[in-house]
Amino acid sequence: MGNSDKKKRKHLCLSIAQKVKLLEKLDSSVSVECLKQEYGVGMTSICDLKEQKDKLFKFYAEVMNRS
């Protein structure tokens, strides 16, 4: 019907490092549209990452300290 013209994105899993990099770019005023194209994710995914930002940064810091 009406949705047949829309192109679905391929399911994509970002690594923790990629998620942290995306959030850092978002904090440095890179536009959401630019990040959507660069990482191949949708607006909802970026909003979800923003909500999980503190938890992601904490986890990433712990992992990096173990290395």
Protein backbone atom coordinates (compact mmCIF):
# COMPACT_ATOMS: atom_id res chain seq x y z
CA MET A 1 0.00 0.00 0.00
CA GLY A 2 1.39 3.44 0.98
CA ASN A 3 4.57 2.12 2.58
CA SER A 4 5.72 0.17 -0.47
CA ASP A 5 7.68 3.18 -1.77
CA LYS A 6 9.76 3.45 1.41
CA LYS A 7 13.16 1.83 1.42
CA LYS A 8 14.03 -0.18 4.54
CA ARG A 9 17.44 0.20 6.11
CA LYS A 10 19.56 -2.87 6.63
CA HIS A 11 19.72 -3.98 10.26
CA LEU A 12 22.96 -2.61 11.64
CA CYS A 13 24.71 -3.24 14.94
CA LEU A 14 27.06 -0.52 16.11
CA SER A 15 29.94 -1.39 18.41
CA ILE A 16 30.22 0.34 21.78
CA ALA A 17 33.14 2.38 20.41
CA GLN A 18 31.03 3.50 17.44
CA LYS A 19 28.17 4.47 19.72
CA VAL A 20 30.50 6.52 21.93
CA LYS A 21 32.02 8.21 18.87
CA LEU A 22 28.54 9.03 17.53
CA LEU A 23 27.55 10.58 20.87
CA GLU A 24 30.78 12.60 21.03
CA LYS A 25 30.09 13.96 17.55
CA LEU A 26 26.52 14.76 18.57
CA ASP A 27 27.85 16.70 21.58
CA SER A 28 30.22 18.64 19.31
CA SER A 29 27.28 19.98 17.30
CA VAL A 30 27.41 17.61 14.33
CA SER A 31 23.90 17.50 12.88
CA VAL A 32 21.67 14.50 13.45
CA GLU A 33 21.07 14.24 9.69
CA CYS A 34 24.82 13.96 9.09
CA LEU A 35 25.16 11.26 11.77
CA LYS A 36 22.18 9.34 10.37
CA GLN A 37 23.87 9.16 6.98
CA GLU A 38 27.37 8.47 8.32
CA TYR A 39 26.35 5.60 10.60
CA GLY A 40 23.35 4.35 8.63
CA VAL A 41 20.98 4.56 11.59
CA GLY A 42 17.60 6.23 12.07
CA MET A 43 16.45 9.07 14.23
CA THR A 44 14.97 6.69 16.82
CA SER A 45 18.31 4.91 17.21
CA ILE A 46 20.11 8.19 17.84
CA CYS A 47 17.48 9.25 20.37
CA ASP A 48 17.80 5.89 22.13
CA LEU A 49 21.58 6.32 22.30
CA LYS A 50 21.16 9.80 23.78
CA GLU A 51 18.96 8.32 26.52
CA GLN A 52 21.59 5.65 27.28
CA LYS A 53 24.51 8.06 27.04
CA ASP A 54 25.62 7.97 30.69
CA LYS A 55 25.44 4.18 30.88
CA LEU A 56 27.34 3.79 27.60
CA PHE A 57 30.14 6.18 28.61
CA LYS A 58 30.49 4.47 32.00
CA PHE A 59 30.66 1.00 30.42
CA TYR A 60 33.14 2.19 27.76
CA ALA A 61 35.39 3.74 30.42
CA GLU A 62 35.37 0.50 32.44
CA VAL A 63 36.27 -1.57 29.39
CA MET A 64 39.06 0.80 28.38
CA ASN A 65 40.52 0.75 31.92
CA ARG A 66 40.72 -3.06 31.81
CA SER A 67 42.75 -2.99 28.59
